[in-house]
Amino acid sequence: MIGRKNSDFALRYLAEEGLAAIAAGLGGIYGRRIHYHPATGKVARLFLKETSEKRVVEEERQYGKALQATSVEGGTELFD
């Protein structure tokens, strides 16, 4: 259910922003990890297996802790 809500949100967001999705890989039993490189526009989609999901969750948890401990200066505007 959460995966479906996430994919619905992503497609709705793209449409509202006037962006066309030239490819999509949604649904199924495996989660995905998306690597986006803004400088080149390159996007890589990686399927997560059951065994890697726990590792990814732990990596994200550790990353979140590291972000909380990092001071941020300046500002970034993501959307107009």
PDB file of N, CA and C in Angstrom:
ATOM      1  N   MET A   1       0.809  -1.191   0.000  1.00  0.00           N
ATOM      2  CA  MET A   1       0.000   0.000   0.000  1.00  0.00           C
ATOM      3  C   MET A   1       0.860   1.266   0.000  1.00  0.00           C
ATOM      4  N   ILE A   2       1.911   1.289   0.830  1.00  0.00           N
ATOM      5  CA  ILE A   2       2.783   2.464   0.877  1.00  0.00           C
ATOM      6  C   ILE A   2       3.461   2.680  -0.463  1.00  0.00           C
ATOM      7  N   GLY A   3       3.938   1.596  -1.068  1.00  0.00           N
ATOM      8  CA  GLY A   3       4.592   1.709  -2.372  1.00  0.00           C
ATOM      9  C   GLY A   3       3.674   2.315  -3.410  1.00  0.00           C
ATOM     10  N   ARG A   4       2.426   1.905  -3.393  1.00  0.00           N
ATOM     11  CA  ARG A   4       1.444   2.432  -4.347  1.00  0.00           C
ATOM     12  C   ARG A   4       1.210   3.928  -4.110  1.00  0.00           C
ATOM     13  N   LYS A   5       1.121   4.313  -2.831  1.00  0.00           N
ATOM     14  CA  LYS A   5       0.925   5.735  -2.514  1.00  0.00           C
ATOM     15  C   LYS A   5       2.132   6.550  -2.956  1.00  0.00           C
ATOM     16  N   ASN A   6       3.332   5.999  -2.771  1.00  0.00           N
ATOM     17  CA  ASN A   6       4.550   6.695  -3.195  1.00  0.00           C
ATOM     18  C   ASN A   6       4.581   6.884  -4.702  1.00  0.00           C
ATOM     19  N   SER A   7       4.254   5.831  -5.443  1.00  0.00           N
ATOM     20  CA  SER A   7       4.299   5.942  -6.903  1.00  0.00           C
ATOM     21  C   SER A   7       3.215   6.887  -7.412  1.00  0.00           C
ATOM     22  N   ASP A   8       2.022   6.841  -6.797  1.00  0.00           N
ATOM     23  CA  ASP A   8       0.960   7.782  -7.186  1.00  0.00           C
ATOM     24  C   ASP A   8       1.406   9.219  -6.948  1.00  0.00           C
ATOM     25  N   PHE A   9       2.027   9.464  -5.786  1.00  0.00           N
ATOM     26  CA  PHE A   9       2.520  10.809  -5.480  1.00  0.00           C
ATOM     27  C   PHE A   9       3.558  11.257  -6.505  1.00  0.00           C
ATOM     28  N   ALA A  10       4.510  10.394  -6.806  1.00  0.00           N
ATOM     29  CA  ALA A  10       5.587  10.763  -7.733  1.00  0.00           C
ATOM     30  C   ALA A  10       5.030  11.132  -9.107  1.00  0.00           C
ATOM     31  N   LEU A  11       4.115  10.332  -9.621  1.00  0.00           N
ATOM     32  CA  LEU A  11       3.540  10.613 -10.936  1.00  0.00           C
ATOM     33  C   LEU A  11       2.688  11.881 -10.910  1.00  0.00           C
ATOM     34  N   ARG A  12       1.934  12.075  -9.841  1.00  0.00           N
ATOM     35  CA  ARG A  12       1.119  13.283  -9.696  1.00  0.00           C
ATOM     36  C   ARG A  12       2.023  14.522  -9.609  1.00  0.00           C
ATOM     37  N   TYR A  13       3.088  14.421  -8.842  1.00  0.00           N
ATOM     38  CA  TYR A  13       4.028  15.539  -8.702  1.00  0.00           C
ATOM     39  C   TYR A  13       4.628  15.916 -10.057  1.00  0.00           C
ATOM     40  N   LEU A  14       5.081  14.929 -10.797  1.00  0.00           N
ATOM     41  CA  LEU A  14       5.651  15.211 -12.119  1.00  0.00           C
ATOM     42  C   LEU A  14       4.643  15.922 -13.009  1.00  0.00           C
ATOM     43  N   ALA A  15       3.419  15.428 -13.016  1.00  0.00           N
ATOM     44  CA  ALA A  15       2.376  16.037 -13.851  1.00  0.00           C
ATOM     45  C   ALA A  15       2.101  17.471 -13.425  1.00  0.00           C
ATOM     46  N   GLU A  16       1.989  17.706 -12.111  1.00  0.00           N
ATOM     47  CA  GLU A  16       1.715  19.050 -11.613  1.00  0.00           C
ATOM     48  C   GLU A  16       2.844  20.025 -11.933  1.00  0.00           C
ATOM     49  N   GLU A  17       4.066  19.528 -12.002  1.00  0.00           N
ATOM     50  CA  GLU A  17       5.219  20.372 -12.314  1.00  0.00           C
ATOM     51  C   GLU A  17       5.465  20.496 -13.816  1.00  0.00           C
ATOM     52  N   GLY A  18       4.622  19.835 -14.619  1.00  0.00           N
ATOM     53  CA  GLY A  18       4.769  19.903 -16.061  1.00  0.00           C
ATOM     54  C   GLY A  18       5.945  19.096 -16.589  1.00  0.00           C
ATOM     55  N   LEU A  19       6.351  18.076 -15.836  1.00  0.00           N
ATOM     56  CA  LEU A  19       7.478  17.229 -16.237  1.00  0.00           C
ATOM     57  C   LEU A  19       6.962  15.914 -16.797  1.00  0.00           C
ATOM     58  N   ALA A  20       7.556  15.480 -17.887  1.00  0.00           N
ATOM     59  CA  ALA A  20       7.147  14.224 -18.506  1.00  0.00           C
ATOM     60  C   ALA A  20       8.040  13.094 -18.014  1.00  0.00           C
ATOM     61  N   ALA A  21       7.418  11.999 -17.621  1.00  0.00           N
ATOM     62  CA  ALA A  21       8.184  10.795 -17.273  1.00  0.00           C
ATOM     63  C   ALA A  21       8.404  10.018 -18.561  1.00  0.00           C
ATOM     64  N   ILE A  22       9.653   9.898 -18.979  1.00  0.00           N
ATOM     65  CA  ILE A  22       9.922   9.182 -20.229  1.00  0.00           C
ATOM     66  C   ILE A  22      10.047   7.681 -20.004  1.00  0.00           C
ATOM     67  N   ALA A  23      10.141   7.281 -18.742  1.00  0.00           N
ATOM     68  CA  ALA A  23      10.159   5.856 -18.396  1.00  0.00           C
ATOM     69  C   ALA A  23       9.718   5.725 -16.949  1.00  0.00           C
ATOM     70  N   ALA A  24       9.143   4.589 -16.621  1.00  0.00           N
ATOM     71  CA  ALA A  24       8.724   4.336 -15.246  1.00  0.00           C
ATOM     72  C   ALA A  24       8.807   2.842 -14.986  1.00  0.00           C
ATOM     73  N   GLY A  25       9.173   2.488 -13.776  1.00  0.00           N
ATOM     74  CA  GLY A  25       9.208   1.089 -13.365  1.00  0.00           C
ATOM     75  C   GLY A  25       8.605   1.003 -11.976  1.00  0.00           C
ATOM     76  N   LEU A  26       7.297   0.936 -11.920  1.00  0.00           N
ATOM     77  CA  LEU A  26       6.593   0.999 -10.641  1.00  0.00           C
ATOM     78  C   LEU A  26       5.882  -0.318 -10.357  1.00  0.00           C
ATOM     79  N   GLY A  27       5.633  -0.570  -9.079  1.00  0.00           N
ATOM     80  CA  GLY A  27       4.914  -1.780  -8.679  1.00  0.00           C
ATOM     81  C   GLY A  27       5.860  -2.956  -8.499  1.00  0.00           C
ATOM     82  N   GLY A  28       5.307  -4.105  -8.299  1.00  0.00           N
ATOM     83  CA  GLY A  28       6.114  -5.301  -8.100  1.00  0.00           C
ATOM     84  C   GLY A  28       6.398  -5.548  -6.628  1.00  0.00           C
ATOM     85  N   ILE A  29       7.196  -6.578  -6.364  1.00  0.00           N
ATOM     86  CA  ILE A  29       7.429  -6.982  -4.982  1.00  0.00           C
ATOM     87  C   ILE A  29       8.709  -6.420  -4.386  1.00  0.00           C
ATOM     88  N   TYR A  30       9.587  -5.852  -5.208  1.00  0.00           N
ATOM     89  CA  TYR A  30      10.847  -5.335  -4.698  1.00  0.00           C
ATOM     90  C   TYR A  30      10.858  -3.811  -4.663  1.00  0.00           C
ATOM     91  N   GLY A  31      11.458  -3.271  -3.614  1.00  0.00           N
ATOM     92  CA  GLY A  31      11.660  -1.837  -3.545  1.00  0.00           C
ATOM     93  C   GLY A  31      12.752  -1.434  -4.508  1.00  0.00           C
ATOM     94  N   ARG A  32      12.904  -0.154  -4.667  1.00  0.00           N
ATOM     95  CA  ARG A  32      13.938   0.372  -5.556  1.00  0.00           C
ATOM     96  C   ARG A  32      14.743   1.422  -4.827  1.00  0.00           C
ATOM     97  N   ARG A  33      15.952   1.572  -5.266  1.00  0.00           N
ATOM     98  CA  ARG A  33      16.810   2.651  -4.787  1.00  0.00           C
ATOM     99  C   ARG A  33      17.194   3.439  -6.031  1.00  0.00           C
ATOM    100  N   ILE A  34      16.959   4.730  -5.983  1.00  0.00           N
ATOM    101  CA  ILE A  34      17.212   5.583  -7.132  1.00  0.00           C
ATOM    102  C   ILE A  34      18.455   6.429  -6.861  1.00  0.00           C
ATOM    103  N   HIS A  35      19.363   6.417  -7.804  1.00  0.00           N
ATOM    104  CA  HIS A  35      20.556   7.268  -7.737  1.00  0.00           C
ATOM    105  C   HIS A  35      20.422   8.295  -8.853  1.00  0.00           C
ATOM    106  N   TYR A  36      20.324   9.556  -8.464  1.00  0.00           N
ATOM    107  CA  TYR A  36      20.166  10.646  -9.428  1.00  0.00           C
ATOM    108  C   TYR A  36      21.390  11.551  -9.366  1.00  0.00           C
ATOM    109  N   HIS A  37      21.938  11.844 -10.522  1.00  0.00           N
ATOM    110  CA  HIS A  37      23.119  12.692 -10.637  1.00  0.00           C
ATOM    111  C   HIS A  37      22.721  13.962 -11.389  1.00  0.00           C
ATOM    112  N   PRO A  38      22.388  15.041 -10.632  1.00  0.00           N
ATOM    113  CA  PRO A  38      21.881  16.266 -11.266  1.00  0.00           C
ATOM    114  C   PRO A  38      22.824  16.888 -12.285  1.00  0.00           C
ATOM    115  N   ALA A  39      24.123  16.790 -12.066  1.00  0.00           N
ATOM    116  CA  ALA A  39      25.080  17.419 -12.986  1.00  0.00           C
ATOM    117  C   ALA A  39      25.005  16.816 -14.387  1.00  0.00           C
ATOM    118  N   THR A  40      24.706  15.515 -14.458  1.00  0.00           N
ATOM    119  CA  THR A  40      24.661  14.849 -15.761  1.00  0.00           C
ATOM    120  C   THR A  40      23.242  14.495 -16.200  1.00  0.00           C
ATOM    121  N   GLY A  41      22.304  14.492 -15.241  1.00  0.00           N
ATOM    122  CA  GLY A  41      20.942  14.076 -15.553  1.00  0.00           C
ATOM    123  C   GLY A  41      20.770  12.567 -15.546  1.00  0.00           C
ATOM    124  N   LYS A  42      21.835  11.853 -15.238  1.00  0.00           N
ATOM    125  CA  LYS A  42      21.793  10.394 -15.247  1.00  0.00           C
ATOM    126  C   LYS A  42      21.025   9.879 -14.030  1.00  0.00           C
ATOM    127  N   VAL A  43      20.209   8.853 -14.255  1.00  0.00           N
ATOM    128  CA  VAL A  43      19.438   8.209 -13.197  1.00  0.00           C
ATOM    129  C   VAL A  43      19.680   6.704 -13.279  1.00  0.00           C
ATOM    130  N   ALA A  44      19.918   6.091 -12.130  1.00  0.00           N
ATOM    131  CA  ALA A  44      20.071   4.641 -12.075  1.00  0.00           C
ATOM    132  C   ALA A  44      19.041   4.073 -11.101  1.00  0.00           C
ATOM    133  N   ARG A  45      18.366   3.021 -11.505  1.00  0.00           N
ATOM    134  CA  ARG A  45      17.388   2.355 -10.651  1.00  0.00           C
ATOM    135  C   ARG A  45      17.944   0.994 -10.248  1.00  0.00           C
ATOM    136  N   LEU A  46      17.980   0.754  -8.946  1.00  0.00           N
ATOM    137  CA  LEU A  46      18.473  -0.511  -8.432  1.00  0.00           C
ATOM    138  C   LEU A  46      17.339  -1.222  -7.704  1.00  0.00           C
ATOM    139  N   PHE A  47      17.091  -2.479  -8.041  1.00  0.00           N
ATOM    140  CA  PHE A  47      16.081  -3.251  -7.330  1.00  0.00           C
ATOM    141  C   PHE A  47      16.669  -3.784  -6.037  1.00  0.00           C
ATOM    142  N   LEU A  48      15.894  -3.734  -4.970  1.00  0.00           N
ATOM    143  CA  LEU A  48      16.327  -4.226  -3.671  1.00  0.00           C
ATOM    144  C   LEU A  48      15.785  -5.635  -3.454  1.00  0.00           C
ATOM    145  N   LYS A  49      16.637  -6.523  -3.044  1.00  0.00           N
ATOM    146  CA  LYS A  49      16.226  -7.875  -2.684  1.00  0.00           C
ATOM    147  C   LYS A  49      15.890  -7.882  -1.200  1.00  0.00           C
ATOM    148  N   GLU A  50      15.190  -8.901  -0.749  1.00  0.00           N
ATOM    149  CA  GLU A  50      14.822  -8.985   0.665  1.00  0.00           C
ATOM    150  C   GLU A  50      16.036  -8.854   1.571  1.00  0.00           C
ATOM    151  N   THR A  51      17.128  -9.487   1.201  1.00  0.00           N
ATOM    152  CA  THR A  51      18.317  -9.472   2.055  1.00  0.00           C
ATOM    153  C   THR A  51      18.957  -8.095   2.122  1.00  0.00           C
ATOM    154  N   SER A  52      18.791  -7.287   1.086  1.00  0.00           N
ATOM    155  CA  SER A  52      19.425  -5.970   1.082  1.00  0.00           C
ATOM    156  C   SER A  52      18.553  -4.904   1.736  1.00  0.00           C
ATOM    157  N   GLU A  53      17.263  -5.177   1.917  1.00  0.00           N
ATOM    158  CA  GLU A  53      16.367  -4.164   2.475  1.00  0.00           C
ATOM    159  C   GLU A  53      16.793  -3.753   3.881  1.00  0.00           C
ATOM    160  N   LYS A  54      17.155  -4.714   4.715  1.00  0.00           N
ATOM    161  CA  LYS A  54      17.590  -4.391   6.076  1.00  0.00           C
ATOM    162  C   LYS A  54      18.858  -3.547   6.055  1.00  0.00           C
ATOM    163  N   ARG A  55      19.766  -3.873   5.147  1.00  0.00           N
ATOM    164  CA  ARG A  55      21.008  -3.120   5.033  1.00  0.00           C
ATOM    165  C   ARG A  55      20.720  -1.687   4.598  1.00  0.00           C
ATOM    166  N   VAL A  56      19.840  -1.527   3.638  1.00  0.00           N
ATOM    167  CA  VAL A  56      19.502  -0.191   3.148  1.00  0.00           C
ATOM    168  C   VAL A  56      18.829   0.626   4.243  1.00  0.00           C
ATOM    169  N   VAL A  57      17.930   0.002   4.989  1.00  0.00           N
ATOM    170  CA  VAL A  57      17.269   0.709   6.087  1.00  0.00           C
ATOM    171  C   VAL A  57      18.305   1.192   7.095  1.00  0.00           C
ATOM    172  N   GLU A  58      19.267   0.344   7.425  1.00  0.00           N
ATOM    173  CA  GLU A  58      20.308   0.739   8.375  1.00  0.00           C
ATOM    174  C   GLU A  58      21.191   1.847   7.796  1.00  0.00           C
ATOM    175  N   GLU A  59      21.533   1.763   6.504  1.00  0.00           N
ATOM    176  CA  GLU A  59      22.319   2.821   5.861  1.00  0.00           C
ATOM    177  C   GLU A  59      21.576   4.159   5.918  1.00  0.00           C
ATOM    178  N   GLU A  60      20.276   4.141   5.637  1.00  0.00           N
ATOM    179  CA  GLU A  60      19.482   5.363   5.663  1.00  0.00           C
ATOM    180  C   GLU A  60      19.391   5.918   7.085  1.00  0.00           C
ATOM    181  N   ARG A  61      19.268   5.035   8.065  1.00  0.00           N
ATOM    182  CA  ARG A  61      19.204   5.465   9.463  1.00  0.00           C
ATOM    183  C   ARG A  61      20.515   6.154   9.863  1.00  0.00           C
ATOM    184  N   GLN A  62      21.631   5.546   9.497  1.00  0.00           N
ATOM    185  CA  GLN A  62      22.939   6.132   9.818  1.00  0.00           C
ATOM    186  C   GLN A  62      23.138   7.456   9.085  1.00  0.00           C
ATOM    187  N   TYR A  63      22.692   7.526   7.841  1.00  0.00           N
ATOM    188  CA  TYR A  63      22.804   8.759   7.073  1.00  0.00           C
ATOM    189  C   TYR A  63      21.991   9.870   7.727  1.00  0.00           C
ATOM    190  N   GLY A  64      20.784   9.528   8.186  1.00  0.00           N
ATOM    191  CA  GLY A  64      19.946  10.500   8.879  1.00  0.00           C
ATOM    192  C   GLY A  64      20.608  11.023  10.137  1.00  0.00           C
ATOM    193  N   LYS A  65      21.256  10.149  10.889  1.00  0.00           N
ATOM    194  CA  LYS A  65      21.974  10.575  12.095  1.00  0.00           C
ATOM    195  C   LYS A  65      23.121  11.511  11.726  1.00  0.00           C
ATOM    196  N   ALA A  66      23.842  11.181  10.659  1.00  0.00           N
ATOM    197  CA  ALA A  66      24.958  12.021  10.227  1.00  0.00           C
ATOM    198  C   ALA A  66      24.456  13.405   9.797  1.00  0.00           C
ATOM    199  N   LEU A  67      23.313  13.457   9.128  1.00  0.00           N
ATOM    200  CA  LEU A  67      22.754  14.743   8.706  1.00  0.00           C
ATOM    201  C   LEU A  67      22.363  15.597   9.906  1.00  0.00           C
ATOM    202  N   GLN A  68      21.812  14.967  10.921  1.00  0.00           N
ATOM    203  CA  GLN A  68      21.414  15.712  12.115  1.00  0.00           C
ATOM    204  C   GLN A  68      22.626  16.315  12.813  1.00  0.00           C
ATOM    205  N   ALA A  69      23.762  15.653  12.711  1.00  0.00           N
ATOM    206  CA  ALA A  69      24.971  16.121  13.385  1.00  0.00           C
ATOM    207  C   ALA A  69      25.754  17.135  12.553  1.00  0.00           C
ATOM    208  N   THR A  70      25.302  17.407  11.343  1.00  0.00           N
ATOM    209  CA  THR A  70      26.007  18.310  10.439  1.00  0.00           C
ATOM    210  C   THR A  70      25.343  19.679  10.437  1.00  0.00           C
ATOM    211  N   SER A  71      26.148  20.721  10.620  1.00  0.00           N
ATOM    212  CA  SER A  71      25.589  22.065  10.557  1.00  0.00           C
ATOM    213  C   SER A  71      25.452  22.473   9.090  1.00  0.00           C
ATOM    214  N   VAL A  72      24.402  23.179   8.799  1.00  0.00           N
ATOM    215  CA  VAL A  72      24.113  23.600   7.428  1.00  0.00           C
ATOM    216  C   VAL A  72      24.169  25.102   7.364  1.00  0.00           C
ATOM    217  N   GLU A  73      24.880  25.607   6.362  1.00  0.00           N
ATOM    218  CA  GLU A  73      24.982  27.041   6.156  1.00  0.00           C
ATOM    219  C   GLU A  73      24.427  27.389   4.788  1.00  0.00           C
ATOM    220  N   GLY A  74      23.888  28.581   4.662  1.00  0.00           N
ATOM    221  CA  GLY A  74      23.352  29.011   3.383  1.00  0.00           C
ATOM    222  C   GLY A  74      21.978  28.425   3.149  1.00  0.00           C
ATOM    223  N   GLY A  75      21.520  28.520   1.933  1.00  0.00           N
ATOM    224  CA  GLY A  75      20.194  28.018   1.618  1.00  0.00           C
ATOM    225  C   GLY A  75      20.145  27.426   0.223  1.00  0.00           C
ATOM    226  N   THR A  76      19.145  26.622   0.013  1.00  0.00           N
ATOM    227  CA  THR A  76      18.931  26.002  -1.284  1.00  0.00           C
ATOM    228  C   THR A  76      17.457  26.094  -1.637  1.00  0.00           C
ATOM    229  N   GLU A  77      17.167  26.541  -2.824  1.00  0.00           N
ATOM    230  CA  GLU A  77      15.783  26.575  -3.294  1.00  0.00           C
ATOM    231  C   GLU A  77      15.614  25.436  -4.260  1.00  0.00           C
ATOM    232  N   LEU A  78      14.778  24.472  -3.889  1.00  0.00           N
ATOM    233  CA  LEU A  78      14.590  23.297  -4.736  1.00  0.00           C
ATOM    234  C   LEU A  78      13.524  23.511  -5.796  1.00  0.00           C
ATOM    235  N   PHE A  79      12.486  24.285  -5.465  1.00  0.00           N
ATOM    236  CA  PHE A  79      11.368  24.447  -6.387  1.00  0.00           C
ATOM    237  C   PHE A  79      10.974  25.908  -6.461  1.00  0.00           C
ATOM    238  N   ASP A  80      10.540  26.316  -7.642  1.00  0.00           N
ATOM    239  CA  ASP A  80      10.042  27.696  -7.820  1.00  0.00           C
ATOM    240  C   ASP A  80       8.629  27.805  -7.323  1.00  0.00           C
TER     241      ASP A  80
END
